[in-house]
Amino acid sequence: MASPKETLQRRAARVRRQLKSAANGRPRLSVHRSSKNIYAQIIDDVRGVTLAAASTLDGDLKGKLKTGADQAAAAAVGKLVAERAVKAGVKDVVFDRGAFIFHGRVKALAEAARESGLSF
């Protein structure tokens, strides 16, 4: 029987394998969620570089947020990463939720990124 950590790793690998076939060279918006913060970065897997990144630990957001662990914080991170991506010349991405289900904070981040100019 697989441990919970192995199960999460398998789920994340399965999601990324499906994304790789659907990406067609587009960079991916990768999301990581912890109990106190949320992180997002746009990664170009072809070149192996990070094009834009944002988290609740950024100086731009840290003072403005009550906590880094709610949907409002996730939406702020989504908006910030989308603004930075558009500034870097990226508008079309593929969303990589990793092992997290598309609900709650992950969904709030994705919707805010879409509203701020990213398409996926």
N, C-alpha and C. Protein backbone atom coordinates (compact mmCIF):
# COMPACT_ATOMS: atom_id res chain seq x y z
N MET A 1 0.84 -1.17 0.00
CA MET A 1 0.00 0.00 0.00
C MET A 1 0.89 1.25 0.00
N ALA A 2 0.54 2.21 -0.82
CA ALA A 2 1.33 3.42 -0.95
C ALA A 2 1.05 4.37 0.22
N SER A 3 2.09 5.08 0.62
CA SER A 3 1.93 6.06 1.69
C SER A 3 1.22 7.29 1.13
N PRO A 4 0.69 8.15 1.99
CA PRO A 4 0.02 9.36 1.50
C PRO A 4 0.95 10.25 0.66
N LYS A 5 2.21 10.32 1.03
CA LYS A 5 3.16 11.14 0.27
C LYS A 5 3.37 10.56 -1.13
N GLU A 6 3.49 9.24 -1.22
CA GLU A 6 3.65 8.60 -2.53
C GLU A 6 2.40 8.80 -3.38
N THR A 7 1.24 8.74 -2.77
CA THR A 7 -0.01 8.95 -3.50
C THR A 7 -0.06 10.36 -4.09
N LEU A 8 0.34 11.37 -3.31
CA LEU A 8 0.37 12.74 -3.81
C LEU A 8 1.36 12.88 -4.96
N GLN A 9 2.53 12.26 -4.82
CA GLN A 9 3.54 12.35 -5.87
C GLN A 9 3.06 11.68 -7.15
N ARG A 10 2.38 10.56 -7.03
CA ARG A 10 1.84 9.88 -8.21
C ARG A 10 0.78 10.73 -8.89
N ARG A 11 -0.10 11.35 -8.08
CA ARG A 11 -1.15 12.18 -8.65
C ARG A 11 -0.55 13.38 -9.39
N ALA A 12 0.46 14.03 -8.79
CA ALA A 12 1.11 15.17 -9.42
C ALA A 12 1.80 14.75 -10.72
N ALA A 13 2.46 13.60 -10.71
CA ALA A 13 3.13 13.11 -11.92
C ALA A 13 2.12 12.81 -13.02
N ARG A 14 0.98 12.25 -12.64
CA ARG A 14 -0.06 11.94 -13.61
C ARG A 14 -0.61 13.22 -14.25
N VAL A 15 -0.85 14.24 -13.44
CA VAL A 15 -1.35 15.51 -13.96
C VAL A 15 -0.32 16.14 -14.89
N ARG A 16 0.95 16.13 -14.50
CA ARG A 16 1.98 16.75 -15.34
C ARG A 16 2.20 15.98 -16.64
N ARG A 17 2.05 14.66 -16.60
CA ARG A 17 2.18 13.86 -17.82
C ARG A 17 1.07 14.22 -18.80
N GLN A 18 -0.14 14.40 -18.31
CA GLN A 18 -1.25 14.79 -19.17
C GLN A 18 -1.06 16.20 -19.71
N LEU A 19 -0.49 17.09 -18.90
CA LEU A 19 -0.26 18.46 -19.34
C LEU A 19 0.80 18.53 -20.42
N LYS A 20 1.82 17.69 -20.29
CA LYS A 20 2.91 17.72 -21.26
C LYS A 20 2.40 17.43 -22.67
N SER A 21 1.45 16.51 -22.79
CA SER A 21 0.91 16.19 -24.11
C SER A 21 -0.02 17.29 -24.61
N ALA A 22 -0.65 18.03 -23.71
CA ALA A 22 -1.60 19.06 -24.12
C ALA A 22 -0.97 20.44 -24.24
N ALA A 23 0.25 20.60 -23.78
CA ALA A 23 0.85 21.94 -23.68
C ALA A 23 1.19 22.55 -25.03
N ASN A 24 1.69 21.76 -25.98
CA ASN A 24 2.09 22.26 -27.30
C ASN A 24 3.06 23.44 -27.20
N GLY A 25 4.03 23.33 -26.32
CA GLY A 25 5.05 24.36 -26.19
C GLY A 25 4.67 25.53 -25.30
N ARG A 26 3.46 25.54 -24.77
CA ARG A 26 3.05 26.64 -23.89
C ARG A 26 3.70 26.47 -22.52
N PRO A 27 4.02 27.57 -21.87
CA PRO A 27 4.52 27.46 -20.50
C PRO A 27 3.40 27.03 -19.55
N ARG A 28 3.77 26.52 -18.38
CA ARG A 28 2.74 26.07 -17.43
C ARG A 28 2.71 26.96 -16.21
N LEU A 29 1.51 27.20 -15.73
CA LEU A 29 1.29 27.93 -14.49
C LEU A 29 1.19 26.89 -13.38
N SER A 30 2.26 26.75 -12.62
CA SER A 30 2.35 25.73 -11.58
C SER A 30 1.96 26.34 -10.24
N VAL A 31 1.11 25.62 -9.50
CA VAL A 31 0.60 26.10 -8.22
C VAL A 31 1.03 25.15 -7.11
N HIS A 32 1.50 25.72 -6.01
CA HIS A 32 1.77 24.93 -4.81
C HIS A 32 1.05 25.59 -3.65
N ARG A 33 0.39 24.77 -2.85
CA ARG A 33 -0.40 25.26 -1.72
C ARG A 33 0.13 24.62 -0.45
N SER A 34 0.44 25.45 0.53
CA SER A 34 0.80 24.92 1.85
C SER A 34 -0.30 25.34 2.83
N SER A 35 -0.13 25.00 4.08
CA SER A 35 -1.18 25.33 5.04
C SER A 35 -1.25 26.82 5.34
N LYS A 36 -0.15 27.55 5.12
CA LYS A 36 -0.13 28.97 5.46
C LYS A 36 0.09 29.90 4.27
N ASN A 37 0.52 29.39 3.13
CA ASN A 37 0.84 30.23 1.98
C ASN A 37 0.45 29.53 0.69
N ILE A 38 0.48 30.30 -0.41
CA ILE A 38 0.25 29.74 -1.74
C ILE A 38 1.29 30.35 -2.69
N TYR A 39 1.78 29.54 -3.60
CA TYR A 39 2.85 29.93 -4.50
C TYR A 39 2.42 29.62 -5.94
N ALA A 40 2.81 30.48 -6.87
CA ALA A 40 2.52 30.24 -8.28
C ALA A 40 3.72 30.69 -9.10
N GLN A 41 4.03 29.91 -10.13
CA GLN A 41 5.10 30.30 -11.04
C GLN A 41 4.78 29.83 -12.44
N ILE A 42 5.25 30.58 -13.41
CA ILE A 42 5.07 30.22 -14.81
C ILE A 42 6.42 29.72 -15.31
N ILE A 43 6.42 28.46 -15.75
CA ILE A 43 7.65 27.76 -16.10
C ILE A 43 7.63 27.41 -17.58
N ASP A 44 8.71 27.73 -18.28
CA ASP A 44 8.88 27.30 -19.67
C ASP A 44 9.70 26.01 -19.62
N ASP A 45 9.05 24.87 -19.82
CA ASP A 45 9.72 23.58 -19.71
C ASP A 45 10.66 23.31 -20.87
N VAL A 46 10.45 23.95 -22.00
CA VAL A 46 11.32 23.75 -23.16
C VAL A 46 12.71 24.33 -22.88
N ARG A 47 12.74 25.55 -22.35
CA ARG A 47 14.01 26.20 -22.04
C ARG A 47 14.47 25.93 -20.61
N GLY A 48 13.56 25.48 -19.75
CA GLY A 48 13.90 25.20 -18.37
C GLY A 48 14.09 26.44 -17.52
N VAL A 49 13.28 27.47 -17.76
CA VAL A 49 13.39 28.72 -17.00
C VAL A 49 12.04 29.11 -16.42
N THR A 50 12.08 29.85 -15.33
CA THR A 50 10.88 30.41 -14.73
C THR A 50 10.69 31.81 -15.29
N LEU A 51 9.53 32.06 -15.87
CA LEU A 51 9.26 33.34 -16.52
C LEU A 51 8.66 34.37 -15.56
N ALA A 52 7.84 33.92 -14.63
CA ALA A 52 7.22 34.81 -13.65
C ALA A 52 6.86 33.99 -12.42
N ALA A 53 6.87 34.65 -11.27
CA ALA A 53 6.52 33.95 -10.03
C ALA A 53 5.89 34.94 -9.06
N ALA A 54 5.06 34.41 -8.17
CA ALA A 54 4.44 35.21 -7.12
C ALA A 54 4.02 34.28 -5.99
N SER A 55 3.99 34.83 -4.80
CA SER A 55 3.51 34.06 -3.65
C SER A 55 3.00 35.03 -2.60
N THR A 56 2.39 34.47 -1.58
CA THR A 56 1.90 35.31 -0.49
C THR A 56 3.05 35.84 0.36
N LEU A 57 4.26 35.37 0.12
CA LEU A 57 5.43 35.86 0.84
C LEU A 57 6.10 37.03 0.14
N ASP A 58 5.63 37.42 -1.06
CA ASP A 58 6.20 38.56 -1.78
C ASP A 58 6.02 39.85 -0.98
N GLY A 59 6.98 40.73 -1.11
CA GLY A 59 6.89 42.01 -0.42
C GLY A 59 5.72 42.85 -0.88
N ASP A 60 5.32 42.68 -2.16
CA ASP A 60 4.19 43.43 -2.70
C ASP A 60 2.87 43.06 -2.01
N LEU A 61 2.76 41.83 -1.54
CA LEU A 61 1.50 41.35 -0.98
C LEU A 61 1.51 41.17 0.53
N LYS A 62 2.66 40.90 1.10
CA LYS A 62 2.73 40.46 2.50
C LYS A 62 2.05 41.43 3.47
N GLY A 63 2.26 42.71 3.31
CA GLY A 63 1.66 43.69 4.21
C GLY A 63 0.19 43.92 3.98
N LYS A 64 -0.30 43.61 2.78
CA LYS A 64 -1.69 43.89 2.43
C LYS A 64 -2.64 42.77 2.83
N LEU A 65 -2.12 41.57 3.05
CA LEU A 65 -2.97 40.42 3.31
C LEU A 65 -3.11 40.16 4.80
N LYS A 66 -4.31 39.75 5.18
CA LYS A 66 -4.54 39.37 6.58
C LYS A 66 -3.82 38.06 6.88
N THR A 67 -3.93 37.11 5.95
CA THR A 67 -3.27 35.81 6.07
C THR A 67 -2.95 35.32 4.66
N GLY A 68 -2.01 34.42 4.56
CA GLY A 68 -1.67 33.86 3.26
C GLY A 68 -2.43 32.60 2.95
N ALA A 69 -3.37 32.23 3.81
CA ALA A 69 -4.01 30.92 3.70
C ALA A 69 -5.49 31.00 3.39
N ASP A 70 -5.96 32.07 2.73
CA ASP A 70 -7.37 32.12 2.39
C ASP A 70 -7.54 32.40 0.90
N GLN A 71 -8.80 32.39 0.45
CA GLN A 71 -9.06 32.56 -0.98
C GLN A 71 -8.73 33.96 -1.46
N ALA A 72 -8.87 34.96 -0.61
CA ALA A 72 -8.51 36.33 -1.00
C ALA A 72 -7.01 36.43 -1.29
N ALA A 73 -6.21 35.78 -0.48
CA ALA A 73 -4.76 35.77 -0.71
C ALA A 73 -4.42 35.04 -2.00
N ALA A 74 -5.10 33.93 -2.25
CA ALA A 74 -4.87 33.18 -3.49
C ALA A 74 -5.24 34.01 -4.71
N ALA A 75 -6.34 34.75 -4.62
CA ALA A 75 -6.75 35.60 -5.74
C ALA A 75 -5.72 36.71 -5.97
N ALA A 76 -5.18 37.27 -4.90
CA ALA A 76 -4.16 38.31 -5.05
C ALA A 76 -2.90 37.75 -5.70
N VAL A 77 -2.52 36.54 -5.35
CA VAL A 77 -1.35 35.90 -5.97
C VAL A 77 -1.62 35.63 -7.44
N GLY A 78 -2.82 35.16 -7.77
CA GLY A 78 -3.18 34.92 -9.16
C GLY A 78 -3.12 36.18 -10.00
N LYS A 79 -3.63 37.26 -9.46
CA LYS A 79 -3.59 38.54 -10.17
C LYS A 79 -2.15 39.01 -10.37
N LEU A 80 -1.33 38.89 -9.33
CA LEU A 80 0.06 39.34 -9.41
C LEU A 80 0.88 38.51 -10.39
N VAL A 81 0.72 37.19 -10.37
CA VAL A 81 1.49 36.35 -11.30
C VAL A 81 1.03 36.60 -12.74
N ALA A 82 -0.25 36.87 -12.95
CA ALA A 82 -0.73 37.17 -14.30
C ALA A 82 -0.17 38.49 -14.80
N GLU A 83 -0.14 39.50 -13.94
CA GLU A 83 0.42 40.79 -14.34
C GLU A 83 1.90 40.65 -14.70
N ARG A 84 2.64 39.89 -13.90
CA ARG A 84 4.06 39.69 -14.18
C ARG A 84 4.27 38.88 -15.46
N ALA A 85 3.39 37.93 -15.73
CA ALA A 85 3.50 37.13 -16.94
C ALA A 85 3.22 37.97 -18.18
N VAL A 86 2.19 38.79 -18.12
CA VAL A 86 1.86 39.65 -19.26
C VAL A 86 3.00 40.62 -19.51
N LYS A 87 3.60 41.12 -18.44
CA LYS A 87 4.75 42.02 -18.59
C LYS A 87 5.93 41.30 -19.24
N ALA A 88 6.06 39.99 -18.98
CA ALA A 88 7.14 39.19 -19.57
C ALA A 88 6.79 38.69 -20.97
N GLY A 89 5.58 38.99 -21.45
CA GLY A 89 5.18 38.61 -22.79
C GLY A 89 4.49 37.26 -22.90
N VAL A 90 3.96 36.76 -21.80
CA VAL A 90 3.28 35.46 -21.80
C VAL A 90 1.80 35.69 -21.54
N LYS A 91 0.96 35.19 -22.45
CA LYS A 91 -0.49 35.31 -22.24
C LYS A 91 -1.18 33.97 -22.26
N ASP A 92 -0.61 33.00 -22.94
CA ASP A 92 -1.24 31.69 -23.10
C ASP A 92 -0.44 30.66 -22.33
N VAL A 93 -1.05 30.03 -21.33
CA VAL A 93 -0.38 29.04 -20.49
C VAL A 93 -1.26 27.81 -20.35
N VAL A 94 -0.70 26.79 -19.73
CA VAL A 94 -1.47 25.61 -19.35
C VAL A 94 -1.41 25.53 -17.83
N PHE A 95 -2.55 25.26 -17.19
CA PHE A 95 -2.65 25.30 -15.73
C PHE A 95 -2.24 23.97 -15.13
N ASP A 96 -1.25 24.00 -14.24
CA ASP A 96 -0.74 22.81 -13.57
C ASP A 96 -1.14 22.88 -12.10
N ARG A 97 -2.17 22.14 -11.74
CA ARG A 97 -2.65 22.15 -10.36
C ARG A 97 -1.84 21.21 -9.48
N GLY A 98 -0.95 20.42 -10.06
CA GLY A 98 -0.17 19.47 -9.29
C GLY A 98 -1.06 18.40 -8.70
N ALA A 99 -0.88 18.10 -7.44
CA ALA A 99 -1.68 17.07 -6.77
C ALA A 99 -2.92 17.66 -6.10
N PHE A 100 -3.14 18.96 -6.24
CA PHE A 100 -4.25 19.62 -5.56
C PHE A 100 -5.50 19.60 -6.43
N ILE A 101 -6.66 19.42 -5.81
CA ILE A 101 -7.90 19.44 -6.58
C ILE A 101 -8.23 20.89 -6.94
N PHE A 102 -8.96 21.06 -8.03
CA PHE A 102 -9.32 22.39 -8.52
C PHE A 102 -10.52 22.89 -7.73
N HIS A 103 -10.25 23.39 -6.53
CA HIS A 103 -11.30 23.82 -5.63
C HIS A 103 -10.69 24.77 -4.60
N GLY A 104 -11.47 25.68 -4.09
CA GLY A 104 -11.00 26.55 -3.02
C GLY A 104 -9.92 27.52 -3.45
N ARG A 105 -8.78 27.47 -2.76
CA ARG A 105 -7.70 28.43 -3.03
C ARG A 105 -7.10 28.25 -4.41
N VAL A 106 -6.98 27.02 -4.88
CA VAL A 106 -6.42 26.77 -6.21
C VAL A 106 -7.34 27.36 -7.28
N LYS A 107 -8.63 27.16 -7.12
CA LYS A 107 -9.61 27.70 -8.06
C LYS A 107 -9.62 29.23 -8.02
N ALA A 108 -9.53 29.82 -6.84
CA ALA A 108 -9.51 31.28 -6.71
C ALA A 108 -8.30 31.87 -7.42
N LEU A 109 -7.14 31.23 -7.28
CA LEU A 109 -5.94 31.69 -7.96
C LEU A 109 -6.12 31.62 -9.47
N ALA A 110 -6.66 30.52 -9.96
CA ALA A 110 -6.84 30.34 -11.40
C ALA A 110 -7.82 31.37 -11.97
N GLU A 111 -8.92 31.61 -11.29
CA GLU A 111 -9.90 32.57 -11.79
C GLU A 111 -9.34 33.99 -11.80
N ALA A 112 -8.58 34.36 -10.78
CA ALA A 112 -7.97 35.68 -10.75
C ALA A 112 -6.93 35.84 -11.85
N ALA A 113 -6.19 34.79 -12.14
CA ALA A 113 -5.20 34.85 -13.22
C ALA A 113 -5.90 35.01 -14.57
N ARG A 114 -7.02 34.31 -14.76
CA ARG A 114 -7.78 34.46 -16.01
C ARG A 114 -8.31 35.88 -16.16
N GLU A 115 -8.85 36.43 -15.09
CA GLU A 115 -9.40 37.79 -15.14
C GLU A 115 -8.33 38.83 -15.40
N SER A 116 -7.09 38.53 -15.04
CA SER A 116 -6.01 39.49 -15.20
C SER A 116 -5.24 39.35 -16.51
N GLY A 117 -5.71 38.49 -17.41
CA GLY A 117 -5.11 38.46 -18.73
C GLY A 117 -4.51 37.15 -19.20
N LEU A 118 -4.41 36.15 -18.36
CA LEU A 118 -3.90 34.86 -18.81
C LEU A 118 -5.03 34.03 -19.39
N SER A 119 -4.72 33.23 -20.39
CA SER A 119 -5.73 32.33 -20.95
C SER A 119 -5.25 30.89 -20.83
N PHE A 120 -6.13 30.05 -20.30
CA PHE A 120 -5.88 28.62 -20.20
C PHE A 120 -7.20 27.91 -20.05
